[in-house]
Amino acid sequence: MKKLAILAAILFATVAVAADAPKGPVTMEAKQGNVTYNHSKHAALKCDQCHKGAPGKIGKLDKDAGHKMCQECHKAEKKGPQKCAECHVKK
């Protein structure tokens, strides 16, 4: 019974944190074109896969960090955009 209570607490905490994710897309400015990230499309992931430590604004990502975080994951999962123009949109 104690294990069930612990599991319920963990699940509740996870839902509470995920509920704080932005409702709409987040757009990050990039020289090659802005990149739009949609939390709802990534709901199956754990927050700490992108957010190191407590979830919150990641801050400014440079080219290498952004590519390492996003592009490598998309390639490994064989899902999502993997080519430059699929993420970077010039206006």
Protein backbone atom coordinates (compact mmCIF):
# COMPACT_ATOMS: atom_id res chain seq x y z
CA MET A 1 0.00 0.00 0.00
CA LYS A 2 2.88 2.33 0.80
CA LYS A 3 4.32 1.79 -2.70
CA LEU A 4 0.97 2.71 -4.22
CA ALA A 5 0.86 5.96 -2.25
CA ILE A 6 4.39 6.85 -3.39
CA LEU A 7 3.53 6.09 -7.01
CA ALA A 8 0.39 8.23 -6.79
CA ALA A 9 2.42 11.12 -5.34
CA ILE A 10 4.98 10.88 -8.14
CA LEU A 11 2.29 10.77 -10.83
CA PHE A 12 0.49 13.75 -9.31
CA ALA A 13 3.73 15.75 -9.16
CA THR A 14 4.49 14.92 -12.80
CA VAL A 15 1.03 16.06 -13.91
CA ALA A 16 1.33 19.25 -11.86
CA VAL A 17 4.66 20.13 -13.51
CA ALA A 18 3.42 19.26 -17.00
CA ALA A 19 0.37 21.44 -16.43
CA ASP A 20 2.70 24.44 -16.13
CA ALA A 21 3.99 24.00 -19.69
CA PRO A 22 2.96 26.80 -22.05
CA LYS A 23 -0.40 26.14 -23.69
CA GLY A 24 0.66 27.44 -27.07
CA PRO A 25 3.82 27.12 -29.12
CA VAL A 26 7.09 28.73 -28.04
CA THR A 27 9.03 30.50 -30.78
CA MET A 28 12.79 30.84 -30.51
CA GLU A 29 14.61 33.33 -32.70
CA ALA A 30 17.41 31.97 -34.87
CA LYS A 31 19.55 33.52 -37.59
CA GLN A 32 18.52 30.84 -40.11
CA GLY A 33 14.81 31.34 -39.30
CA ASN A 34 12.72 31.08 -36.17
CA VAL A 35 12.09 27.68 -34.58
CA THR A 36 8.68 26.94 -33.07
CA TYR A 37 8.42 24.33 -30.32
CA ASN A 38 5.09 22.82 -29.34
CA HIS A 39 4.97 21.26 -25.85
CA SER A 40 1.76 19.38 -26.69
CA LYS A 41 3.55 17.41 -29.43
CA HIS A 42 6.20 16.34 -26.92
CA ALA A 43 3.89 15.34 -24.05
CA ALA A 44 5.22 11.77 -24.00
CA LEU A 45 8.71 13.03 -23.08
CA LYS A 46 9.90 13.70 -19.58
CA CYS A 47 10.49 17.40 -18.89
CA ASP A 48 14.10 16.81 -17.84
CA GLN A 49 15.00 15.54 -21.31
CA CYS A 50 15.18 19.21 -22.33
CA HIS A 51 14.96 21.09 -19.04
CA LYS A 52 17.96 20.25 -16.89
CA GLY A 53 16.88 20.56 -13.27
CA ALA A 54 13.53 22.15 -12.53
CA PRO A 55 11.32 22.88 -15.55
CA GLY A 56 11.31 26.50 -16.59
CA LYS A 57 12.50 28.67 -19.41
CA ILE A 58 15.53 27.00 -20.99
CA GLY A 59 17.18 30.29 -21.82
CA LYS A 60 19.11 31.17 -24.91
CA LEU A 61 20.14 28.17 -26.97
CA ASP A 62 23.03 28.53 -29.36
CA LYS A 63 23.19 26.61 -32.62
CA ASP A 64 25.18 23.66 -31.25
CA ALA A 65 23.11 23.25 -28.07
CA GLY A 66 19.82 23.53 -29.95
CA HIS A 67 20.85 21.02 -32.56
CA LYS A 68 22.18 18.61 -29.94
CA MET A 69 18.97 18.80 -27.92
CA CYS A 70 16.40 18.70 -30.72
CA GLN A 71 17.91 17.34 -33.90
CA GLU A 72 19.73 14.42 -32.28
CA CYS A 73 16.55 13.39 -30.45
CA HIS A 74 14.48 13.56 -33.66
CA LYS A 75 17.05 11.43 -35.49
CA ALA A 76 17.27 8.88 -32.67
CA GLU A 77 13.49 8.59 -32.41
CA LYS A 78 13.06 8.69 -36.20
CA LYS A 79 10.26 11.23 -35.69
CA GLY A 80 9.75 14.91 -36.23
CA PRO A 81 11.57 17.38 -38.43
CA GLN A 82 15.18 16.56 -39.25
CA LYS A 83 16.05 18.93 -42.08
CA CYS A 84 16.95 22.60 -41.60
CA ALA A 85 13.89 24.15 -43.27
CA GLU A 86 11.53 21.85 -41.36
CA CYS A 87 12.41 23.65 -38.11
CA HIS A 88 13.82 26.99 -39.23
CA VAL A 89 11.15 29.16 -40.83
CA LYS A 90 12.12 32.51 -42.36
CA LYS A 91 9.47 35.18 -42.48
